Amino acid sequence: MIPKEFYEVDKPRNLAKSITVELTRVKITVKVKPRAGKAAVKKTGEREFVVSVKEAPKDGRANAAVVSTLANFLGIAPSRIRILRGKKSRLKTLEIL
């Protein structure tokens, strides 16, 4: 007789979670205002934001500030935000995981 563990197959239990994670990726457009008086986020459309940051656009400081400010506004970790386009531009496309 063949033991039960050789022919019984486990069903994937977290399949729905992995599919949900893939569907929650959102791309947004951000217009950046560096060297602003204070850090702020203004929603201008369904997936459009204006982000003001105090930092100057030097050595990626403004980009890091944009990610941090937007993460605080959305209530998520900064590691979940990625700059897809516009690393050297004021108009950026970001992906939120």
N, C-alpha and C. Protein backbone atom coordinates (compact mmCIF):
# COMPACT_ATOMS: atom_id res chain seq x y z
N MET A 1 0.84 -1.18 0.00
CA MET A 1 0.00 0.00 0.00
C MET A 1 0.89 1.25 0.00
N ILE A 2 0.50 2.26 -0.80
CA ILE A 2 1.27 3.50 -0.92
C ILE A 2 0.85 4.46 0.19
N PRO A 3 1.85 5.04 0.88
CA PRO A 3 1.50 5.99 1.94
C PRO A 3 0.75 7.21 1.37
N LYS A 4 -0.10 7.76 2.21
CA LYS A 4 -0.98 8.86 1.81
C LYS A 4 -0.20 10.08 1.32
N GLU A 5 0.94 10.39 1.91
CA GLU A 5 1.70 11.60 1.56
C GLU A 5 2.27 11.56 0.13
N PHE A 6 2.34 10.40 -0.50
CA PHE A 6 2.88 10.31 -1.85
C PHE A 6 1.88 10.66 -2.94
N TYR A 7 0.62 10.52 -2.69
CA TYR A 7 -0.35 10.80 -3.74
C TYR A 7 -1.30 11.97 -3.41
N GLU A 8 -1.22 12.51 -2.21
CA GLU A 8 -2.07 13.64 -1.84
C GLU A 8 -1.35 14.95 -2.19
N VAL A 9 -2.01 15.81 -2.92
CA VAL A 9 -1.41 17.08 -3.36
C VAL A 9 -2.01 18.22 -2.56
N ASP A 10 -1.13 19.07 -2.05
CA ASP A 10 -1.62 20.25 -1.31
C ASP A 10 -2.18 21.28 -2.27
N LYS A 11 -3.28 21.88 -1.89
CA LYS A 11 -3.87 22.94 -2.70
C LYS A 11 -3.22 24.27 -2.32
N PRO A 12 -2.94 25.12 -3.31
CA PRO A 12 -2.37 26.42 -2.96
C PRO A 12 -3.40 27.28 -2.24
N ARG A 13 -3.08 27.67 -1.03
CA ARG A 13 -4.04 28.42 -0.21
C ARG A 13 -3.90 29.92 -0.39
N ASN A 14 -2.73 30.38 -0.75
CA ASN A 14 -2.49 31.82 -0.87
C ASN A 14 -2.54 32.31 -2.30
N LEU A 15 -3.16 31.56 -3.18
CA LEU A 15 -3.25 31.94 -4.58
C LEU A 15 -4.04 33.24 -4.74
N ALA A 16 -5.13 33.39 -4.02
CA ALA A 16 -5.95 34.60 -4.12
C ALA A 16 -5.15 35.82 -3.65
N LYS A 17 -4.35 35.67 -2.63
CA LYS A 17 -3.54 36.79 -2.13
C LYS A 17 -2.53 37.25 -3.18
N SER A 18 -1.86 36.31 -3.84
CA SER A 18 -0.86 36.69 -4.83
C SER A 18 -1.51 37.38 -6.03
N ILE A 19 -2.70 36.96 -6.41
CA ILE A 19 -3.41 37.60 -7.51
C ILE A 19 -3.84 38.99 -7.10
N THR A 20 -4.32 39.15 -5.89
CA THR A 20 -4.75 40.46 -5.39
C THR A 20 -3.59 41.44 -5.36
N VAL A 21 -2.42 40.98 -4.95
CA VAL A 21 -1.26 41.85 -4.88
C VAL A 21 -0.91 42.38 -6.26
N GLU A 22 -0.99 41.55 -7.28
CA GLU A 22 -0.69 41.99 -8.64
C GLU A 22 -1.69 43.02 -9.14
N LEU A 23 -2.93 42.93 -8.71
CA LEU A 23 -3.96 43.84 -9.19
C LEU A 23 -3.96 45.18 -8.46
N THR A 24 -3.22 45.31 -7.38
CA THR A 24 -3.24 46.55 -6.61
C THR A 24 -2.13 47.52 -7.00
N ARG A 25 -1.40 47.25 -8.04
CA ARG A 25 -0.38 48.20 -8.51
C ARG A 25 -1.07 49.36 -9.19
N VAL A 26 -0.71 50.57 -8.78
CA VAL A 26 -1.34 51.77 -9.32
C VAL A 26 -0.26 52.71 -9.83
N LYS A 27 -0.46 53.25 -11.02
CA LYS A 27 0.45 54.25 -11.56
C LYS A 27 -0.20 55.61 -11.40
N ILE A 28 0.58 56.58 -10.90
CA ILE A 28 0.07 57.93 -10.73
C ILE A 28 1.04 58.92 -11.37
N THR A 29 0.52 60.11 -11.67
CA THR A 29 1.34 61.18 -12.22
C THR A 29 1.52 62.23 -11.15
N VAL A 30 2.75 62.67 -10.98
CA VAL A 30 3.07 63.65 -9.94
C VAL A 30 3.82 64.82 -10.56
N LYS A 31 3.37 66.02 -10.24
CA LYS A 31 4.09 67.23 -10.61
C LYS A 31 4.80 67.70 -9.34
N VAL A 32 6.11 67.87 -9.42
CA VAL A 32 6.91 68.20 -8.25
C VAL A 32 7.24 69.69 -8.23
N LYS A 33 7.14 70.26 -7.04
CA LYS A 33 7.55 71.65 -6.82
C LYS A 33 8.67 71.64 -5.78
N PRO A 34 9.93 71.62 -6.25
CA PRO A 34 11.05 71.62 -5.31
C PRO A 34 11.27 73.02 -4.72
N ARG A 35 12.03 73.06 -3.64
CA ARG A 35 12.36 74.32 -2.94
C ARG A 35 11.12 75.08 -2.49
N ALA A 36 10.10 74.36 -2.08
CA ALA A 36 8.88 74.99 -1.58
C ALA A 36 9.06 75.38 -0.11
N GLY A 37 8.18 76.20 0.38
CA GLY A 37 8.25 76.63 1.78
C GLY A 37 7.98 75.51 2.75
N LYS A 38 7.07 74.60 2.39
CA LYS A 38 6.77 73.45 3.24
C LYS A 38 6.38 72.26 2.36
N ALA A 39 6.52 71.08 2.92
CA ALA A 39 6.16 69.85 2.20
C ALA A 39 4.65 69.69 2.24
N ALA A 40 4.06 69.45 1.07
CA ALA A 40 2.61 69.29 0.99
C ALA A 40 2.24 68.44 -0.22
N VAL A 41 1.05 67.83 -0.16
CA VAL A 41 0.51 67.04 -1.26
C VAL A 41 -0.89 67.55 -1.57
N LYS A 42 -1.15 67.77 -2.85
CA LYS A 42 -2.48 68.20 -3.29
C LYS A 42 -2.93 67.25 -4.39
N LYS A 43 -4.13 66.68 -4.21
CA LYS A 43 -4.68 65.78 -5.22
C LYS A 43 -5.42 66.63 -6.25
N THR A 44 -5.01 66.52 -7.52
CA THR A 44 -5.61 67.33 -8.57
C THR A 44 -6.50 66.53 -9.51
N GLY A 45 -6.44 65.22 -9.43
CA GLY A 45 -7.24 64.35 -10.28
C GLY A 45 -7.34 62.97 -9.66
N GLU A 46 -7.93 62.05 -10.39
CA GLU A 46 -8.09 60.70 -9.86
C GLU A 46 -6.74 60.06 -9.56
N ARG A 47 -5.78 60.23 -10.46
CA ARG A 47 -4.44 59.67 -10.27
C ARG A 47 -3.37 60.73 -10.52
N GLU A 48 -3.67 61.96 -10.17
CA GLU A 48 -2.73 63.06 -10.37
C GLU A 48 -2.56 63.84 -9.07
N PHE A 49 -1.30 64.13 -8.76
CA PHE A 49 -0.97 64.84 -7.54
C PHE A 49 0.04 65.94 -7.82
N VAL A 50 0.04 66.97 -6.98
CA VAL A 50 1.09 67.98 -6.97
C VAL A 50 1.76 67.83 -5.61
N VAL A 51 3.08 67.59 -5.61
CA VAL A 51 3.83 67.38 -4.37
C VAL A 51 4.87 68.49 -4.25
N SER A 52 4.78 69.25 -3.16
CA SER A 52 5.75 70.30 -2.87
C SER A 52 6.72 69.77 -1.82
N VAL A 53 8.02 69.99 -2.06
CA VAL A 53 9.05 69.55 -1.11
C VAL A 53 10.04 70.68 -0.87
N LYS A 54 10.65 70.68 0.30
CA LYS A 54 11.61 71.72 0.66
C LYS A 54 12.96 71.53 -0.03
N GLU A 55 13.32 70.31 -0.32
CA GLU A 55 14.63 69.98 -0.85
C GLU A 55 14.83 70.47 -2.28
N ALA A 56 16.08 70.77 -2.58
CA ALA A 56 16.46 71.17 -3.94
C ALA A 56 16.67 69.91 -4.79
N PRO A 57 16.48 70.03 -6.11
CA PRO A 57 16.67 68.85 -6.98
C PRO A 57 18.15 68.57 -7.22
N LYS A 58 18.86 68.16 -6.19
CA LYS A 58 20.29 67.86 -6.27
C LYS A 58 20.55 66.48 -5.69
N ASP A 59 21.28 65.67 -6.42
CA ASP A 59 21.70 64.34 -5.96
C ASP A 59 20.53 63.46 -5.52
N GLY A 60 19.36 63.64 -6.13
CA GLY A 60 18.21 62.80 -5.82
C GLY A 60 17.51 63.13 -4.52
N ARG A 61 17.88 64.23 -3.87
CA ARG A 61 17.25 64.59 -2.59
C ARG A 61 15.77 64.91 -2.76
N ALA A 62 15.44 65.64 -3.80
CA ALA A 62 14.03 65.99 -4.02
C ALA A 62 13.20 64.74 -4.33
N ASN A 63 13.75 63.81 -5.09
CA ASN A 63 13.04 62.56 -5.39
C ASN A 63 12.76 61.77 -4.12
N ALA A 64 13.75 61.69 -3.24
CA ALA A 64 13.57 60.98 -1.97
C ALA A 64 12.52 61.68 -1.12
N ALA A 65 12.52 63.00 -1.14
CA ALA A 65 11.53 63.76 -0.38
C ALA A 65 10.13 63.58 -0.95
N VAL A 66 10.02 63.50 -2.27
CA VAL A 66 8.72 63.27 -2.91
C VAL A 66 8.16 61.92 -2.48
N VAL A 67 8.97 60.89 -2.52
CA VAL A 67 8.53 59.55 -2.13
C VAL A 67 8.12 59.54 -0.66
N SER A 68 8.91 60.16 0.20
CA SER A 68 8.62 60.20 1.63
C SER A 68 7.34 60.99 1.92
N THR A 69 7.20 62.14 1.30
CA THR A 69 6.02 62.99 1.52
C THR A 69 4.76 62.30 1.02
N LEU A 70 4.83 61.70 -0.15
CA LEU A 70 3.67 61.01 -0.70
C LEU A 70 3.31 59.78 0.13
N ALA A 71 4.31 59.07 0.63
CA ALA A 71 4.06 57.90 1.48
C ALA A 71 3.34 58.32 2.77
N ASN A 72 3.78 59.43 3.37
CA ASN A 72 3.09 59.94 4.56
C ASN A 72 1.65 60.30 4.25
N PHE A 73 1.42 60.94 3.12
CA PHE A 73 0.08 61.36 2.72
C PHE A 73 -0.84 60.15 2.51
N LEU A 74 -0.31 59.11 1.89
CA LEU A 74 -1.11 57.91 1.59
C LEU A 74 -1.17 56.91 2.74
N GLY A 75 -0.30 57.10 3.74
CA GLY A 75 -0.27 56.20 4.88
C GLY A 75 0.32 54.84 4.58
N ILE A 76 1.35 54.82 3.72
CA ILE A 76 2.02 53.57 3.36
C ILE A 76 3.52 53.73 3.57
N ALA A 77 4.24 52.64 3.46
CA ALA A 77 5.70 52.67 3.59
C ALA A 77 6.33 53.25 2.32
N PRO A 78 7.39 54.05 2.47
CA PRO A 78 8.06 54.61 1.29
C PRO A 78 8.61 53.55 0.34
N SER A 79 8.90 52.37 0.84
CA SER A 79 9.42 51.30 0.00
C SER A 79 8.38 50.79 -1.00
N ARG A 80 7.12 51.14 -0.80
CA ARG A 80 6.06 50.71 -1.73
C ARG A 80 5.87 51.67 -2.89
N ILE A 81 6.65 52.76 -2.93
CA ILE A 81 6.55 53.74 -4.01
C ILE A 81 7.83 53.70 -4.84
N ARG A 82 7.67 53.67 -6.16
CA ARG A 82 8.81 53.57 -7.07
C ARG A 82 8.65 54.60 -8.19
N ILE A 83 9.71 55.29 -8.52
CA ILE A 83 9.68 56.25 -9.63
C ILE A 83 9.95 55.48 -10.92
N LEU A 84 8.97 55.49 -11.83
CA LEU A 84 9.12 54.79 -13.11
C LEU A 84 9.72 55.69 -14.17
N ARG A 85 9.24 56.92 -14.25
CA ARG A 85 9.71 57.88 -15.25
C ARG A 85 9.88 59.25 -14.62
N GLY A 86 10.81 60.02 -15.17
CA GLY A 86 10.97 61.40 -14.76
C GLY A 86 11.88 61.62 -13.57
N LYS A 87 12.91 60.81 -13.43
CA LYS A 87 13.82 60.98 -12.30
C LYS A 87 14.52 62.33 -12.32
N LYS A 88 14.65 62.93 -13.50
CA LYS A 88 15.30 64.24 -13.61
C LYS A 88 14.32 65.30 -14.13
N SER A 89 13.04 65.07 -13.94
CA SER A 89 12.02 65.97 -14.43
C SER A 89 11.05 66.31 -13.31
N ARG A 90 10.33 67.41 -13.48
CA ARG A 90 9.32 67.78 -12.48
C ARG A 90 8.04 66.97 -12.64
N LEU A 91 7.83 66.42 -13.81
CA LEU A 91 6.66 65.58 -14.06
C LEU A 91 7.11 64.12 -14.00
N LYS A 92 6.56 63.37 -13.05
CA LYS A 92 7.01 62.01 -12.81
C LYS A 92 5.84 61.03 -12.88
N THR A 93 6.17 59.80 -13.22
CA THR A 93 5.21 58.69 -13.14
C THR A 93 5.71 57.77 -12.04
N LEU A 94 4.86 57.54 -11.05
CA LEU A 94 5.21 56.70 -9.91
C LEU A 94 4.32 55.48 -9.89
N GLU A 95 4.86 54.40 -9.34
CA GLU A 95 4.10 53.17 -9.18
C GLU A 95 3.96 52.91 -7.69
N ILE A 96 2.74 52.64 -7.25
CA ILE A 96 2.48 52.33 -5.85
C ILE A 96 2.13 50.86 -5.77
N LEU A 97 2.89 50.13 -4.97
CA LEU A 97 2.67 48.69 -4.81
C LEU A 97 1.76 48.42 -3.63
